[in-house]
Structures are given as structure tokens and as C-alpha cells.
């Protein structure tokens, strides 16, 4: 029989990822492909009549915590009012100098508290210099 896959597995190779800070620091200057898949839970529904900024959620991967144009990757998703569990993904290529870091940010315009679950994923792979 085939072995059952483990429920939670952390794959970590290389020294660039700091699991405490959530930052990936580039060991070499070059082009890196980044992927973040965030599993998000809405902790409470927005009450009727409560002012809200919308139901938009934005996920970003930013270099040096600067989320301006040309130094980040981003995706925008609309949250379904009927669900409390969402998945949002952002993928792309960024150039990092040696020693620069990239990290994931969530811009919550959903009007209700959200929690990013621990089974979310973040990866970085050096494509070339």
C-alpha cells in the first residue's frame, strides 16, 4: 500500500528563508520567481449597517517592504460574502540584489478581521543571474 501523505510538511532548502520574520533574503543577485498562496479565514461577518471599505483583498510580495510599483507583485480578489474561508495567490518574477529581502503583505479592505492560516505557502526560487 502507498504511504499516507503527512498533513503538514514544511519544505525548506537553502538559507534565504527566515521562518520567524517571514522574509526571504537573496543570497545572490538575480531574478527570482516568487509564489505565495494564502489561506485566509474571516473571523467575523461584517454587520449590516457597519461602514465598510468594500470586499476587496490584495496580496503583495514586496522587496525591502516597499510595495510601490515595479518593486512588488500583487493580485486582487473579491471576497464572497457567503464564505468564511478564502484562498488568494500571487506569483511572479522579481530582481533582488544580494542581501535584499522579499516578504508577503495583505491589504485588507474587506471590512472584517481576517486571519492568515499557518498552512499558507511562500516560496522563492533563483532563476538566474
C-alpha atoms as a PDB file:
ATOM      1  CA  UNK A   1       0.000   0.000   0.000  1.00  0.00           C
ATOM      2  CA  UNK A   2       1.009   3.615  -0.612  1.00  0.00           C
ATOM      3  CA  UNK A   3       2.081   5.612   2.422  1.00  0.00           C
ATOM      4  CA  UNK A   4      -0.325   8.332   3.539  1.00  0.00           C
ATOM      5  CA  UNK A   5       0.949  11.864   2.920  1.00  0.00           C
ATOM      6  CA  UNK A   6       1.695  13.864   6.014  1.00  0.00           C
ATOM      7  CA  UNK A   7      -0.829  16.549   6.900  1.00  0.00           C
ATOM      8  CA  UNK A   8       1.609  19.414   7.459  1.00  0.00           C
ATOM      9  CA  UNK A   9       5.038  19.419   5.895  1.00  0.00           C
ATOM     10  CA  UNK A  10       7.488  22.288   5.729  1.00  0.00           C
ATOM     11  CA  UNK A  11       9.904  22.094   2.837  1.00  0.00           C
ATOM     12  CA  UNK A  12      12.857  24.374   3.464  1.00  0.00           C
ATOM     13  CA  UNK A  13      16.069  24.242   1.456  1.00  0.00           C
ATOM     14  CA  UNK A  14      18.696  26.952   1.488  1.00  0.00           C
ATOM     15  CA  UNK A  15      19.468  29.668   3.971  1.00  0.00           C
ATOM     16  CA  UNK A  16      17.442  32.537   2.479  1.00  0.00           C
ATOM     17  CA  UNK A  17      14.098  31.954   4.200  1.00  0.00           C
ATOM     18  CA  UNK A  18      13.655  33.194   7.753  1.00  0.00           C
ATOM     19  CA  UNK A  19      10.557  31.483   9.161  1.00  0.00           C
ATOM     20  CA  UNK A  20      10.435  33.856  12.148  1.00  0.00           C
ATOM     21  CA  UNK A  21      10.376  37.106  10.161  1.00  0.00           C
ATOM     22  CA  UNK A  22       8.638  35.681   7.083  1.00  0.00           C
ATOM     23  CA  UNK A  23      11.285  37.206   4.837  1.00  0.00           C
ATOM     24  CA  UNK A  24      13.285  35.650   2.028  1.00  0.00           C
ATOM     25  CA  UNK A  25      16.762  37.203   1.735  1.00  0.00           C
ATOM     26  CA  UNK A  26      18.501  36.741  -1.606  1.00  0.00           C
ATOM     27  CA  UNK A  27      21.890  35.028  -1.227  1.00  0.00           C
ATOM     28  CA  UNK A  28      22.841  36.110  -4.776  1.00  0.00           C
ATOM     29  CA  UNK A  29      21.809  38.955  -7.056  1.00  0.00           C
ATOM     30  CA  UNK A  30      19.443  37.675  -9.715  1.00  0.00           C
ATOM     31  CA  UNK A  31      15.928  37.010 -10.912  1.00  0.00           C
ATOM     32  CA  UNK A  32      13.727  35.048  -8.527  1.00  0.00           C
ATOM     33  CA  UNK A  33      10.307  33.571  -9.037  1.00  0.00           C
ATOM     34  CA  UNK A  34       8.051  34.046  -6.012  1.00  0.00           C
ATOM     35  CA  UNK A  35       4.784  32.370  -5.143  1.00  0.00           C
ATOM     36  CA  UNK A  36       2.535  32.966  -2.152  1.00  0.00           C
ATOM     37  CA  UNK A  37      -0.712  31.103  -1.573  1.00  0.00           C
ATOM     38  CA  UNK A  38      -2.559  32.492   1.431  1.00  0.00           C
ATOM     39  CA  UNK A  39      -5.397  30.649   3.112  1.00  0.00           C
ATOM     40  CA  UNK A  40      -7.446  33.241   4.958  1.00  0.00           C
ATOM     41  CA  UNK A  41     -10.310  32.919   7.431  1.00  0.00           C
ATOM     42  CA  UNK A  42     -12.794  35.701   8.091  1.00  0.00           C
ATOM     43  CA  UNK A  43     -13.118  35.821  11.884  1.00  0.00           C
ATOM     44  CA  UNK A  44     -16.492  37.590  11.903  1.00  0.00           C
ATOM     45  CA  UNK A  45     -19.017  38.747   9.363  1.00  0.00           C
ATOM     46  CA  UNK A  46     -19.422  42.472   8.813  1.00  0.00           C
ATOM     47  CA  UNK A  47     -22.630  43.602  10.425  1.00  0.00           C
ATOM     48  CA  UNK A  48     -25.345  45.243   8.352  1.00  0.00           C
ATOM     49  CA  UNK A  49     -25.139  48.983   8.561  1.00  0.00           C
ATOM     50  CA  UNK A  50     -21.475  48.825   9.585  1.00  0.00           C
ATOM     51  CA  UNK A  51     -19.396  51.097   7.373  1.00  0.00           C
ATOM     52  CA  UNK A  52     -17.138  49.066   5.127  1.00  0.00           C
ATOM     53  CA  UNK A  53     -14.471  49.870   2.593  1.00  0.00           C
ATOM     54  CA  UNK A  54     -15.572  47.072   0.280  1.00  0.00           C
ATOM     55  CA  UNK A  55     -14.916  43.387  -0.063  1.00  0.00           C
ATOM     56  CA  UNK A  56     -11.528  43.565  -1.740  1.00  0.00           C
ATOM     57  CA  UNK A  57      -8.431  41.715  -0.590  1.00  0.00           C
ATOM     58  CA  UNK A  58      -4.972  42.389  -2.037  1.00  0.00           C
ATOM     59  CA  UNK A  59      -1.926  40.112  -1.632  1.00  0.00           C
ATOM     60  CA  UNK A  60       1.521  41.517  -2.363  1.00  0.00           C
ATOM     61  CA  UNK A  61       5.111  40.280  -2.426  1.00  0.00           C
ATOM     62  CA  UNK A  62       7.337  43.315  -1.877  1.00  0.00           C
ATOM     63  CA  UNK A  63      11.094  43.937  -1.999  1.00  0.00           C
ATOM     64  CA  UNK A  64      12.540  45.589   1.138  1.00  0.00           C
ATOM     65  CA  UNK A  65       8.944  46.184   2.407  1.00  0.00           C
ATOM     66  CA  UNK A  66       8.468  48.752  -0.367  1.00  0.00           C
ATOM     67  CA  UNK A  67       5.225  47.991  -2.100  1.00  0.00           C
ATOM     68  CA  UNK A  68       5.434  50.662  -4.796  1.00  0.00           C
ATOM     69  CA  UNK A  69       5.070  49.887  -8.455  1.00  0.00           C
ATOM     70  CA  UNK A  70       7.978  47.946 -10.028  1.00  0.00           C
ATOM     71  CA  UNK A  71       9.174  46.594  -6.672  1.00  0.00           C
ATOM     72  CA  UNK A  72       6.280  44.280  -5.985  1.00  0.00           C
ATOM     73  CA  UNK A  73       3.960  41.579  -7.257  1.00  0.00           C
ATOM     74  CA  UNK A  74       0.274  41.821  -6.466  1.00  0.00           C
ATOM     75  CA  UNK A  75      -3.108  40.268  -7.009  1.00  0.00           C
ATOM     76  CA  UNK A  76      -6.573  41.493  -6.039  1.00  0.00           C
ATOM     77  CA  UNK A  77      -9.532  39.311  -5.156  1.00  0.00           C
ATOM     78  CA  UNK A  78     -13.121  39.979  -4.185  1.00  0.00           C
ATOM     79  CA  UNK A  79     -14.359  38.191  -1.093  1.00  0.00           C
ATOM     80  CA  UNK A  80     -17.561  36.200  -1.348  1.00  0.00           C
ATOM     81  CA  UNK A  81     -19.999  37.261   1.383  1.00  0.00           C
ATOM     82  CA  UNK A  82     -21.252  33.706   1.811  1.00  0.00           C
ATOM     83  CA  UNK A  83     -17.904  32.169   2.775  1.00  0.00           C
ATOM     84  CA  UNK A  84     -15.515  32.464   5.719  1.00  0.00           C
ATOM     85  CA  UNK A  85     -12.543  30.707   4.044  1.00  0.00           C
ATOM     86  CA  UNK A  86     -10.647  32.226   1.120  1.00  0.00           C
ATOM     87  CA  UNK A  87      -7.523  31.435  -0.883  1.00  0.00           C
ATOM     88  CA  UNK A  88      -5.560  34.132  -2.673  1.00  0.00           C
ATOM     89  CA  UNK A  89      -2.365  33.563  -4.671  1.00  0.00           C
ATOM     90  CA  UNK A  90       0.292  35.847  -6.102  1.00  0.00           C
ATOM     91  CA  UNK A  91       3.103  34.699  -8.410  1.00  0.00           C
ATOM     92  CA  UNK A  92       5.759  36.425 -10.461  1.00  0.00           C
ATOM     93  CA  UNK A  93       9.391  37.311 -11.028  1.00  0.00           C
ATOM     94  CA  UNK A  94      11.383  39.980  -9.195  1.00  0.00           C
ATOM     95  CA  UNK A  95      15.028  41.032  -9.377  1.00  0.00           C
ATOM     96  CA  UNK A  96      16.801  41.140  -5.991  1.00  0.00           C
ATOM     97  CA  UNK A  97      20.308  42.310  -5.186  1.00  0.00           C
ATOM     98  CA  UNK A  98      22.306  40.072  -2.829  1.00  0.00           C
ATOM     99  CA  UNK A  99      21.115  40.794   0.707  1.00  0.00           C
ATOM    100  CA  UNK A 100      17.748  42.278  -0.298  1.00  0.00           C
ATOM    101  CA  UNK A 101      14.647  40.601   1.084  1.00  0.00           C
ATOM    102  CA  UNK A 102      11.110  39.961  -0.113  1.00  0.00           C
ATOM    103  CA  UNK A 103       8.061  39.387   2.069  1.00  0.00           C
ATOM    104  CA  UNK A 104       4.299  38.952   1.772  1.00  0.00           C
ATOM    105  CA  UNK A 105       1.746  41.605   2.709  1.00  0.00           C
ATOM    106  CA  UNK A 106      -2.056  41.538   2.831  1.00  0.00           C
ATOM    107  CA  UNK A 107      -4.089  44.701   2.224  1.00  0.00           C
ATOM    108  CA  UNK A 108      -7.467  44.074   3.847  1.00  0.00           C
ATOM    109  CA  UNK A 109     -10.277  46.263   2.537  1.00  0.00           C
ATOM    110  CA  UNK A 110     -12.869  43.631   3.444  1.00  0.00           C
ATOM    111  CA  UNK A 111     -14.257  45.438   6.476  1.00  0.00           C
ATOM    112  CA  UNK A 112     -13.927  42.461   8.833  1.00  0.00           C
ATOM    113  CA  UNK A 113     -10.988  40.887  10.720  1.00  0.00           C
ATOM    114  CA  UNK A 114      -9.059  38.250   8.776  1.00  0.00           C
ATOM    115  CA  UNK A 115      -6.526  35.621   9.863  1.00  0.00           C
ATOM    116  CA  UNK A 116      -3.892  34.133   7.565  1.00  0.00           C
ATOM    117  CA  UNK A 117      -3.713  30.407   8.359  1.00  0.00           C
ATOM    118  CA  UNK A 118      -0.438  28.673   9.142  1.00  0.00           C
ATOM    119  CA  UNK A 119      -0.886  26.270   6.203  1.00  0.00           C
ATOM    120  CA  UNK A 120      -0.288  29.123   3.742  1.00  0.00           C
ATOM    121  CA  UNK A 121       2.714  28.844   1.390  1.00  0.00           C
ATOM    122  CA  UNK A 122       5.555  31.175   0.370  1.00  0.00           C
ATOM    123  CA  UNK A 123       8.386  30.182  -1.954  1.00  0.00           C
ATOM    124  CA  UNK A 124      11.305  31.736  -3.804  1.00  0.00           C
ATOM    125  CA  UNK A 125      13.478  30.115  -6.475  1.00  0.00           C
ATOM    126  CA  UNK A 126      16.542  31.652  -8.128  1.00  0.00           C
ATOM    127  CA  UNK A 127      16.047  31.596 -11.888  1.00  0.00           C
ATOM    128  CA  UNK A 128      19.353  33.128 -12.922  1.00  0.00           C
ATOM    129  CA  UNK A 129      21.767  35.998 -12.525  1.00  0.00           C
END
